[in-house]
Amino acid sequence: MLEVLNDAERSALRAADAVNSLLDALRAHLKEVASNTVAHVELERDASKRLQGAAMEAANRGMRFINACMSSFNVCAVWHAG
C-alpha cells in the first residue's frame, strides 16, 4: 500500500513539474508577444507623428503658396488699375 502511495506521489510530482514547465513556457511567450505589441504600438505612434508633421508642413507650404499668389494678384490688380 505504501508503495502505491509513493508511486502516486511521484506521478503527481511529475504532473506538477509538467504543468509548471507549461506555465513557464506560456509566460515566456506572453512576455514576447506583449513586448512585440508594445514595439508595434510605438512604431505606429512614431509613424503617425511623422505623417502628421508631413501633413502640417504640406498645409503650411500650400498656405504660403496661396498667400504668395494672392499678393501677386493684388500687386497686378493695383498696377493695372493705376
PDB file of N, CA and C in Angstrom:
ATOM      1  N   MET A   1       0.826  -1.197   0.000  1.00  0.00           N
ATOM      2  CA  MET A   1       0.000   0.000   0.000  1.00  0.00           C
ATOM      3  C   MET A   1       0.870   1.260   0.000  1.00  0.00           C
ATOM      4  N   LEU A   2       1.943   1.231   0.792  1.00  0.00           N
ATOM      5  CA  LEU A   2       2.848   2.367   0.866  1.00  0.00           C
ATOM      6  C   LEU A   2       3.533   2.609  -0.484  1.00  0.00           C
ATOM      7  N   GLU A   3       3.849   1.530  -1.188  1.00  0.00           N
ATOM      8  CA  GLU A   3       4.477   1.675  -2.496  1.00  0.00           C
ATOM      9  C   GLU A   3       3.519   2.317  -3.501  1.00  0.00           C
ATOM     10  N   VAL A   4       2.262   1.984  -3.431  1.00  0.00           N
ATOM     11  CA  VAL A   4       1.254   2.579  -4.328  1.00  0.00           C
ATOM     12  C   VAL A   4       1.154   4.071  -4.061  1.00  0.00           C
ATOM     13  N   LEU A   5       1.180   4.445  -2.768  1.00  0.00           N
ATOM     14  CA  LEU A   5       1.117   5.870  -2.419  1.00  0.00           C
ATOM     15  C   LEU A   5       2.371   6.604  -2.907  1.00  0.00           C
ATOM     16  N   ASN A   6       3.526   5.962  -2.782  1.00  0.00           N
ATOM     17  CA  ASN A   6       4.765   6.574  -3.281  1.00  0.00           C
ATOM     18  C   ASN A   6       4.718   6.758  -4.795  1.00  0.00           C
ATOM     19  N   ASP A   7       4.198   5.751  -5.506  1.00  0.00           N
ATOM     20  CA  ASP A   7       4.061   5.875  -6.970  1.00  0.00           C
ATOM     21  C   ASP A   7       3.100   7.005  -7.331  1.00  0.00           C
ATOM     22  N   ALA A   8       2.011   7.107  -6.597  1.00  0.00           N
ATOM     23  CA  ALA A   8       1.034   8.169  -6.847  1.00  0.00           C
ATOM     24  C   ALA A   8       1.660   9.533  -6.582  1.00  0.00           C
ATOM     25  N   GLU A   9       2.464   9.623  -5.519  1.00  0.00           N
ATOM     26  CA  GLU A   9       3.122  10.892  -5.208  1.00  0.00           C
ATOM     27  C   GLU A   9       4.129  11.269  -6.291  1.00  0.00           C
ATOM     28  N   ARG A  10       4.904  10.306  -6.774  1.00  0.00           N
ATOM     29  CA  ARG A  10       5.859  10.579  -7.843  1.00  0.00           C
ATOM     30  C   ARG A  10       5.136  11.005  -9.128  1.00  0.00           C
ATOM     31  N   SER A  11       4.033  10.351  -9.424  1.00  0.00           N
ATOM     32  CA  SER A  11       3.250  10.724 -10.608  1.00  0.00           C
ATOM     33  C   SER A  11       2.698  12.138 -10.476  1.00  0.00           C
ATOM     34  N   ALA A  12       2.228  12.457  -9.282  1.00  0.00           N
ATOM     35  CA  ALA A  12       1.699  13.804  -9.039  1.00  0.00           C
ATOM     36  C   ALA A  12       2.805  14.844  -9.179  1.00  0.00           C
ATOM     37  N   LEU A  13       4.003  14.544  -8.683  1.00  0.00           N
ATOM     38  CA  LEU A  13       5.126  15.476  -8.806  1.00  0.00           C
ATOM     39  C   LEU A  13       5.530  15.673 -10.263  1.00  0.00           C
ATOM     40  N   ARG A  14       5.540  14.576 -11.035  1.00  0.00           N
ATOM     41  CA  ARG A  14       5.857  14.702 -12.459  1.00  0.00           C
ATOM     42  C   ARG A  14       4.797  15.538 -13.180  1.00  0.00           C
ATOM     43  N   ALA A  15       3.548  15.323 -12.832  1.00  0.00           N
ATOM     44  CA  ALA A  15       2.473  16.108 -13.442  1.00  0.00           C
ATOM     45  C   ALA A  15       2.596  17.584 -13.062  1.00  0.00           C
ATOM     46  N   ALA A  16       2.924  17.844 -11.800  1.00  0.00           N
ATOM     47  CA  ALA A  16       3.094  19.232 -11.355  1.00  0.00           C
ATOM     48  C   ALA A  16       4.268  19.881 -12.072  1.00  0.00           C
ATOM     49  N   ASP A  17       5.364  19.132 -12.239  1.00  0.00           N
ATOM     50  CA  ASP A  17       6.509  19.669 -12.979  1.00  0.00           C
ATOM     51  C   ASP A  17       6.138  19.976 -14.429  1.00  0.00           C
ATOM     52  N   ALA A  18       5.356  19.102 -15.042  1.00  0.00           N
ATOM     53  CA  ALA A  18       4.925  19.322 -16.423  1.00  0.00           C
ATOM     54  C   ALA A  18       4.060  20.572 -16.522  1.00  0.00           C
ATOM     55  N   VAL A  19       3.152  20.743 -15.563  1.00  0.00           N
ATOM     56  CA  VAL A  19       2.285  21.928 -15.563  1.00  0.00           C
ATOM     57  C   VAL A  19       3.124  23.181 -15.343  1.00  0.00           C
ATOM     58  N   ASN A  20       4.084  23.124 -14.423  1.00  0.00           N
ATOM     59  CA  ASN A  20       4.959  24.279 -14.187  1.00  0.00           C
ATOM     60  C   ASN A  20       5.761  24.625 -15.435  1.00  0.00           C
ATOM     61  N   SER A  21       6.276  23.616 -16.135  1.00  0.00           N
ATOM     62  CA  SER A  21       7.016  23.861 -17.375  1.00  0.00           C
ATOM     63  C   SER A  21       6.119  24.510 -18.420  1.00  0.00           C
ATOM     64  N   LEU A  22       4.903  24.001 -18.522  1.00  0.00           N
ATOM     65  CA  LEU A  22       3.952  24.572 -19.470  1.00  0.00           C
ATOM     66  C   LEU A  22       3.655  26.031 -19.137  1.00  0.00           C
ATOM     67  N   LEU A  23       3.421  26.319 -17.861  1.00  0.00           N
ATOM     68  CA  LEU A  23       3.129  27.692 -17.449  1.00  0.00           C
ATOM     69  C   LEU A  23       4.330  28.609 -17.676  1.00  0.00           C
ATOM     70  N   ASP A  24       5.526  28.102 -17.428  1.00  0.00           N
ATOM     71  CA  ASP A  24       6.725  28.901 -17.699  1.00  0.00           C
ATOM     72  C   ASP A  24       6.834  29.236 -19.188  1.00  0.00           C
ATOM     73  N   ALA A  25       6.567  28.252 -20.038  1.00  0.00           N
ATOM     74  CA  ALA A  25       6.617  28.482 -21.481  1.00  0.00           C
ATOM     75  C   ALA A  25       5.558  29.498 -21.902  1.00  0.00           C
ATOM     76  N   LEU A  26       4.367  29.376 -21.338  1.00  0.00           N
ATOM     77  CA  LEU A  26       3.298  30.331 -21.656  1.00  0.00           C
ATOM     78  C   LEU A  26       3.674  31.738 -21.223  1.00  0.00           C
ATOM     79  N   ARG A  27       4.246  31.871 -20.025  1.00  0.00           N
ATOM     80  CA  ARG A  27       4.672  33.187 -19.552  1.00  0.00           C
ATOM     81  C   ARG A  27       5.708  33.799 -20.494  1.00  0.00           C
ATOM     82  N   ALA A  28       6.655  32.991 -20.908  1.00  0.00           N
ATOM     83  CA  ALA A  28       7.699  33.487 -21.810  1.00  0.00           C
ATOM     84  C   ALA A  28       7.099  33.946 -23.137  1.00  0.00           C
ATOM     85  N   HIS A  29       6.185  33.176 -23.683  1.00  0.00           N
ATOM     86  CA  HIS A  29       5.563  33.550 -24.961  1.00  0.00           C
ATOM     87  C   HIS A  29       4.694  34.790 -24.811  1.00  0.00           C
ATOM     88  N   LEU A  30       3.956  34.878 -23.702  1.00  0.00           N
ATOM     89  CA  LEU A  30       3.132  36.066 -23.484  1.00  0.00           C
ATOM     90  C   LEU A  30       3.999  37.307 -23.329  1.00  0.00           C
ATOM     91  N   LYS A  31       5.118  37.164 -22.647  1.00  0.00           N
ATOM     92  CA  LYS A  31       6.025  38.302 -22.495  1.00  0.00           C
ATOM     93  C   LYS A  31       6.549  38.745 -23.855  1.00  0.00           C
ATOM     94  N   GLU A  32       6.904  37.785 -24.695  1.00  0.00           N
ATOM     95  CA  GLU A  32       7.414  38.100 -26.032  1.00  0.00           C
ATOM     96  C   GLU A  32       6.344  38.796 -26.867  1.00  0.00           C
ATOM     97  N   VAL A  33       5.132  38.265 -26.823  1.00  0.00           N
ATOM     98  CA  VAL A  33       4.035  38.866 -27.592  1.00  0.00           C
ATOM     99  C   VAL A  33       3.743  40.263 -27.083  1.00  0.00           C
ATOM    100  N   ALA A  34       3.728  40.433 -25.757  1.00  0.00           N
ATOM    101  CA  ALA A  34       3.445  41.749 -25.186  1.00  0.00           C
ATOM    102  C   ALA A  34       4.523  42.750 -25.577  1.00  0.00           C
ATOM    103  N   SER A  35       5.773  42.345 -25.541  1.00  0.00           N
ATOM    104  CA  SER A  35       6.840  43.275 -25.916  1.00  0.00           C
ATOM    105  C   SER A  35       6.768  43.600 -27.404  1.00  0.00           C
ATOM    106  N   ASN A  36       6.420  42.623 -28.236  1.00  0.00           N
ATOM    107  CA  ASN A  36       6.257  42.892 -29.663  1.00  0.00           C
ATOM    108  C   ASN A  36       5.102  43.842 -29.902  1.00  0.00           C
ATOM    109  N   THR A  37       4.018  43.668 -29.144  1.00  0.00           N
ATOM    110  CA  THR A  37       2.858  44.545 -29.277  1.00  0.00           C
ATOM    111  C   THR A  37       3.238  45.969 -28.903  1.00  0.00           C
ATOM    112  N   VAL A  38       3.995  46.124 -27.813  1.00  0.00           N
ATOM    113  CA  VAL A  38       4.442  47.459 -27.405  1.00  0.00           C
ATOM    114  C   VAL A  38       5.311  48.072 -28.494  1.00  0.00           C
ATOM    115  N   ALA A  39       6.200  47.275 -29.065  1.00  0.00           N
ATOM    116  CA  ALA A  39       7.068  47.782 -30.133  1.00  0.00           C
ATOM    117  C   ALA A  39       6.239  48.212 -31.339  1.00  0.00           C
ATOM    118  N   HIS A  40       5.210  47.446 -31.676  1.00  0.00           N
ATOM    119  CA  HIS A  40       4.362  47.796 -32.820  1.00  0.00           C
ATOM    120  C   HIS A  40       3.584  49.075 -32.540  1.00  0.00           C
ATOM    121  N   VAL A  41       3.084  49.206 -31.323  1.00  0.00           N
ATOM    122  CA  VAL A  41       2.337  50.413 -30.966  1.00  0.00           C
ATOM    123  C   VAL A  41       3.251  51.630 -31.039  1.00  0.00           C
ATOM    124  N   GLU A  42       4.483  51.489 -30.530  1.00  0.00           N
ATOM    125  CA  GLU A  42       5.431  52.599 -30.599  1.00  0.00           C
ATOM    126  C   GLU A  42       5.770  52.943 -32.042  1.00  0.00           C
ATOM    127  N   LEU A  43       5.939  51.935 -32.873  1.00  0.00           N
ATOM    128  CA  LEU A  43       6.244  52.163 -34.287  1.00  0.00           C
ATOM    129  C   LEU A  43       5.090  52.886 -34.978  1.00  0.00           C
ATOM    130  N   GLU A  44       3.863  52.455 -34.714  1.00  0.00           N
ATOM    131  CA  GLU A  44       2.698  53.103 -35.312  1.00  0.00           C
ATOM    132  C   GLU A  44       2.560  54.544 -34.819  1.00  0.00           C
ATOM    133  N   ARG A  45       2.843  54.764 -33.531  1.00  0.00           N
ATOM    134  CA  ARG A  45       2.763  56.121 -32.978  1.00  0.00           C
ATOM    135  C   ARG A  45       3.786  57.026 -33.652  1.00  0.00           C
ATOM    136  N   ASP A  46       5.008  56.531 -33.802  1.00  0.00           N
ATOM    137  CA  ASP A  46       6.047  57.320 -34.459  1.00  0.00           C
ATOM    138  C   ASP A  46       5.682  57.612 -35.911  1.00  0.00           C
ATOM    139  N   ALA A  47       5.150  56.613 -36.599  1.00  0.00           N
ATOM    140  CA  ALA A  47       4.755  56.803 -37.998  1.00  0.00           C
ATOM    141  C   ALA A  47       3.631  57.832 -38.107  1.00  0.00           C
ATOM    142  N   SER A  48       2.675  57.782 -37.191  1.00  0.00           N
ATOM    143  CA  SER A  48       1.568  58.739 -37.251  1.00  0.00           C
ATOM    144  C   SER A  48       2.049  60.149 -36.937  1.00  0.00           C
ATOM    145  N   LYS A  49       3.020  60.261 -36.020  1.00  0.00           N
ATOM    146  CA  LYS A  49       3.584  61.589 -35.741  1.00  0.00           C
ATOM    147  C   LYS A  49       4.283  62.147 -36.971  1.00  0.00           C
ATOM    148  N   ARG A  50       5.044  61.298 -37.653  1.00  0.00           N
ATOM    149  CA  ARG A  50       5.740  61.758 -38.863  1.00  0.00           C
ATOM    150  C   ARG A  50       4.750  62.142 -39.954  1.00  0.00           C
ATOM    151  N   LEU A  51       3.699  61.339 -40.103  1.00  0.00           N
ATOM    152  CA  LEU A  51       2.685  61.643 -41.107  1.00  0.00           C
ATOM    153  C   LEU A  51       1.985  62.956 -40.783  1.00  0.00           C
ATOM    154  N   GLN A  52       1.660  63.147 -39.511  1.00  0.00           N
ATOM    155  CA  GLN A  52       1.010  64.387 -39.101  1.00  0.00           C
ATOM    156  C   GLN A  52       1.936  65.580 -39.361  1.00  0.00           C
ATOM    157  N   GLY A  53       3.209  65.433 -39.044  1.00  0.00           N
ATOM    158  CA  GLY A  53       4.166  66.506 -39.297  1.00  0.00           C
ATOM    159  C   GLY A  53       4.281  66.824 -40.773  1.00  0.00           C
ATOM    160  N   ALA A  54       4.316  65.781 -41.609  1.00  0.00           N
ATOM    161  CA  ALA A  54       4.403  65.989 -43.059  1.00  0.00           C
ATOM    162  C   ALA A  54       3.141  66.670 -43.575  1.00  0.00           C
ATOM    163  N   ALA A  55       1.989  66.288 -43.057  1.00  0.00           N
ATOM    164  CA  ALA A  55       0.733  66.917 -43.493  1.00  0.00           C
ATOM    165  C   ALA A  55       0.694  68.386 -43.087  1.00  0.00           C
ATOM    166  N   MET A  56       1.163  68.680 -41.884  1.00  0.00           N
ATOM    167  CA  MET A  56       1.190  70.078 -41.435  1.00  0.00           C
ATOM    168  C   MET A  56       2.149  70.911 -42.296  1.00  0.00           C
ATOM    169  N   GLU A  57       3.296  70.331 -42.619  1.00  0.00           N
ATOM    170  CA  GLU A  57       4.265  71.033 -43.469  1.00  0.00           C
ATOM    171  C   GLU A  57       3.682  71.289 -44.860  1.00  0.00           C
ATOM    172  N   ALA A  58       2.998  70.281 -45.409  1.00  0.00           N
ATOM    173  CA  ALA A  58       2.376  70.452 -46.731  1.00  0.00           C
ATOM    174  C   ALA A  58       1.290  71.522 -46.672  1.00  0.00           C
ATOM    175  N   ALA A  59       0.504  71.536 -45.603  1.00  0.00           N
ATOM    176  CA  ALA A  59      -0.539  72.554 -45.464  1.00  0.00           C
ATOM    177  C   ALA A  59       0.078  73.951 -45.347  1.00  0.00           C
ATOM    178  N   ASN A  60       1.151  74.063 -44.584  1.00  0.00           N
ATOM    179  CA  ASN A  60       1.824  75.367 -44.448  1.00  0.00           C
ATOM    180  C   ASN A  60       2.388  75.836 -45.781  1.00  0.00           C
ATOM    181  N   ARG A  61       3.005  74.938 -46.520  1.00  0.00           N
ATOM    182  CA  ARG A  61       3.537  75.311 -47.834  1.00  0.00           C
ATOM    183  C   ARG A  61       2.412  75.731 -48.776  1.00  0.00           C
ATOM    184  N   GLY A  62       1.307  74.998 -48.715  1.00  0.00           N
ATOM    185  CA  GLY A  62       0.155  75.354 -49.549  1.00  0.00           C
ATOM    186  C   GLY A  62      -0.381  76.739 -49.207  1.00  0.00           C
ATOM    187  N   MET A  63      -0.459  77.030 -47.908  1.00  0.00           N
ATOM    188  CA  MET A  63      -0.950  78.353 -47.492  1.00  0.00           C
ATOM    189  C   MET A  63       0.022  79.451 -47.924  1.00  0.00           C
ATOM    190  N   ARG A  64       1.323  79.195 -47.823  1.00  0.00           N
ATOM    191  CA  ARG A  64       2.306  80.190 -48.279  1.00  0.00           C
ATOM    192  C   ARG A  64       2.169  80.420 -49.783  1.00  0.00           C
ATOM    193  N   PHE A  65       1.938  79.337 -50.537  1.00  0.00           N
ATOM    194  CA  PHE A  65       1.765  79.471 -51.985  1.00  0.00           C
ATOM    195  C   PHE A  65       0.518  80.299 -52.301  1.00  0.00           C
ATOM    196  N   ILE A  66      -0.565  79.981 -51.602  1.00  0.00           N
ATOM    197  CA  ILE A  66      -1.819  80.732 -51.832  1.00  0.00           C
ATOM    198  C   ILE A  66      -1.629  82.195 -51.465  1.00  0.00           C
ATOM    199  N   ASN A  67      -0.971  82.448 -50.335  1.00  0.00           N
ATOM    200  CA  ASN A  67      -0.730  83.842 -49.940  1.00  0.00           C
ATOM    201  C   ASN A  67       0.144  84.568 -50.961  1.00  0.00           C
ATOM    202  N   ALA A  68       1.159  83.875 -51.482  1.00  0.00           N
ATOM    203  CA  ALA A  68       2.025  84.492 -52.495  1.00  0.00           C
ATOM    204  C   ALA A  68       1.221  84.808 -53.762  1.00  0.00           C
ATOM    205  N   CYS A  69       0.354  83.888 -54.153  1.00  0.00           N
ATOM    206  CA  CYS A  69      -0.490  84.124 -55.338  1.00  0.00           C
ATOM    207  C   CYS A  69      -1.424  85.292 -55.107  1.00  0.00           C
ATOM    208  N   MET A  70      -2.010  85.351 -53.913  1.00  0.00           N
ATOM    209  CA  MET A  70      -2.934  86.453 -53.606  1.00  0.00           C
ATOM    210  C   MET A  70      -2.186  87.792 -53.615  1.00  0.00           C
ATOM    211  N   SER A  71      -0.973  87.785 -53.045  1.00  0.00           N
ATOM    212  CA  SER A  71      -0.181  89.024 -53.042  1.00  0.00           C
ATOM    213  C   SER A  71       0.169  89.433 -54.465  1.00  0.00           C
ATOM    214  N   SER A  72       0.561  88.470 -55.287  1.00  0.00           N
ATOM    215  CA  SER A  72       0.895  88.771 -56.685  1.00  0.00           C
ATOM    216  C   SER A  72      -0.324  89.286 -57.424  1.00  0.00           C
ATOM    217  N   PHE A  73      -1.469  88.671 -57.177  1.00  0.00           N
ATOM    218  CA  PHE A  73      -2.710  89.117 -57.825  1.00  0.00           C
ATOM    219  C   PHE A  73      -3.039  90.545 -57.415  1.00  0.00           C
ATOM    220  N   ASN A  74      -2.883  90.833 -56.114  1.00  0.00           N
ATOM    221  CA  ASN A  74      -3.174  92.193 -55.631  1.00  0.00           C
ATOM    222  C   ASN A  74      -2.212  93.204 -56.239  1.00  0.00           C
ATOM    223  N   VAL A  75      -0.932  92.854 -56.346  1.00  0.00           N
ATOM    224  CA  VAL A  75       0.048  93.756 -56.948  1.00  0.00           C
ATOM    225  C   VAL A  75      -0.312  93.997 -58.414  1.00  0.00           C
ATOM    226  N   CYS A  76      -0.664  92.934 -59.132  1.00  0.00           N
ATOM    227  CA  CYS A  76      -1.039  93.070 -60.546  1.00  0.00           C
ATOM    228  C   CYS A  76      -2.307  93.901 -60.699  1.00  0.00           C
ATOM    229  N   ALA A  77      -3.259  93.689 -59.809  1.00  0.00           N
ATOM    230  CA  ALA A  77      -4.518  94.442 -59.889  1.00  0.00           C
ATOM    231  C   ALA A  77      -4.279  95.920 -59.641  1.00  0.00           C
ATOM    232  N   VAL A  78      -3.420  96.236 -58.675  1.00  0.00           N
ATOM    233  CA  VAL A  78      -3.118  97.639 -58.382  1.00  0.00           C
ATOM    234  C   VAL A  78      -2.355  98.259 -59.554  1.00  0.00           C
ATOM    235  N   TRP A  79      -1.428  97.513 -60.122  1.00  0.00           N
ATOM    236  CA  TRP A  79      -0.620  98.023 -61.222  1.00  0.00           C
ATOM    237  C   TRP A  79      -1.499  98.321 -62.454  1.00  0.00           C
ATOM    238  N   HIS A  80      -2.448  97.374 -62.746  1.00  0.00           N
ATOM    239  CA  HIS A  80      -3.338  97.574 -63.897  1.00  0.00           C
ATOM    240  C   HIS A  80      -4.342  98.692 -63.643  1.00  0.00           C
ATOM    241  N   ALA A  81      -4.729  98.879 -62.419  1.00  0.00           N
ATOM    242  CA  ALA A  81      -5.711  99.919 -62.106  1.00  0.00           C
ATOM    243  C   ALA A  81      -5.074 101.306 -62.173  1.00  0.00           C
ATOM    244  N   GLY A  82      -3.804 101.357 -61.919  1.00  0.00           N
ATOM    245  CA  GLY A  82      -3.121 102.652 -61.846  1.00  0.00           C
ATOM    246  C   GLY A  82      -2.675 103.142 -63.132  1.00  0.00           C
TER     247      GLY A  82
END
